[in-house]
Amino acid sequence: MIGFMSVMTILSGLLLNLFILIQARGASLGAGFGGSGELFTERRGIDKVIHQITIILAVVFVLSIVLGIISG
């Protein structure tokens, strides 16, 4: 069980870092290539999906750490 929790923590942590780096603050996915300068935009399409996956990965990461501490 401890091995599974360690793998889950590492995998969710790496994916969480990846999805955070993919996101561009205050703009859409193309902001890294000279996108618009709008500060407040509504997330749509792939940006919304990436944002939701990031939230899910954050929850999985925290839960895997807490369960690893409780079980270990």
Protein backbone atom coordinates (compact mmCIF):
# COMPACT_ATOMS: atom_id res chain seq x y z
CA MET A 1 0.00 0.00 0.00
CA ILE A 2 2.86 2.38 0.79
CA GLY A 3 4.43 1.74 -2.62
CA PHE A 4 1.15 2.54 -4.37
CA MET A 5 0.73 5.78 -2.44
CA SER A 6 4.30 6.81 -3.25
CA VAL A 7 3.78 6.16 -6.94
CA MET A 8 0.45 8.01 -6.86
CA THR A 9 2.03 11.00 -5.09
CA ILE A 10 4.97 11.22 -7.50
CA LEU A 11 2.83 10.74 -10.61
CA SER A 12 0.18 13.24 -9.56
CA GLY A 13 2.89 15.74 -8.53
CA LEU A 14 4.64 15.52 -11.90
CA LEU A 15 1.38 15.84 -13.82
CA LEU A 16 0.30 18.74 -11.62
CA ASN A 17 3.54 20.58 -12.40
CA LEU A 18 3.09 19.93 -16.11
CA PHE A 19 -0.49 21.22 -16.16
CA ILE A 20 0.42 24.30 -14.13
CA LEU A 21 3.22 25.14 -16.55
CA ILE A 22 0.90 24.68 -19.55
CA GLN A 23 -1.47 27.31 -18.24
CA ALA A 24 -0.80 30.94 -19.07
CA ARG A 25 -1.77 33.49 -16.45
CA GLY A 26 -4.47 35.93 -17.50
CA ALA A 27 -4.81 34.79 -21.08
CA SER A 28 -5.54 31.83 -23.26
CA LEU A 29 -3.24 28.97 -24.20
CA GLY A 30 -1.62 31.02 -26.96
CA ALA A 31 -0.41 33.78 -24.63
CA GLY A 32 3.10 32.39 -24.67
CA PHE A 33 3.25 33.17 -28.37
CA GLY A 34 2.21 36.83 -28.07
CA GLY A 35 -1.47 36.44 -27.24
CA SER A 36 -3.88 39.12 -26.15
CA GLY A 37 -3.34 41.42 -23.18
CA GLU A 38 -6.75 40.96 -21.55
CA LEU A 39 -6.59 40.43 -17.81
CA PHE A 40 -10.01 38.96 -17.10
CA THR A 41 -11.20 36.35 -19.54
CA GLU A 42 -13.57 33.46 -19.20
CA ARG A 43 -11.98 30.06 -19.64
CA ARG A 44 -13.35 28.25 -22.65
CA GLY A 45 -12.53 25.11 -24.56
CA ILE A 46 -9.19 23.51 -23.85
CA ASP A 47 -8.25 26.18 -21.28
CA LYS A 48 -11.26 25.23 -19.17
CA VAL A 49 -10.46 21.52 -19.45
CA ILE A 50 -6.82 22.08 -18.47
CA HIS A 51 -7.93 24.20 -15.50
CA GLN A 52 -10.35 21.51 -14.30
CA ILE A 53 -7.75 18.75 -14.70
CA THR A 54 -5.30 20.86 -12.68
CA ILE A 55 -7.81 21.16 -9.84
CA ILE A 56 -8.47 17.41 -9.88
CA LEU A 57 -4.73 16.66 -9.87
CA ALA A 58 -4.20 19.02 -6.92
CA VAL A 59 -6.90 17.21 -4.94
CA VAL A 60 -5.45 13.79 -5.83
CA PHE A 61 -1.96 14.98 -4.85
CA VAL A 62 -3.06 16.26 -1.45
CA LEU A 63 -5.19 13.18 -0.73
CA SER A 64 -2.36 10.83 -1.68
CA ILE A 65 -0.03 12.64 0.73
CA VAL A 66 -2.58 12.57 3.56
CA LEU A 67 -3.41 8.89 2.99
CA GLY A 68 0.29 8.06 2.80
CA ILE A 69 0.88 9.72 6.15
CA ILE A 70 -2.11 7.99 7.75
CA SER A 71 -1.22 4.54 6.40
CA GLY A 72 2.51 4.83 6.93
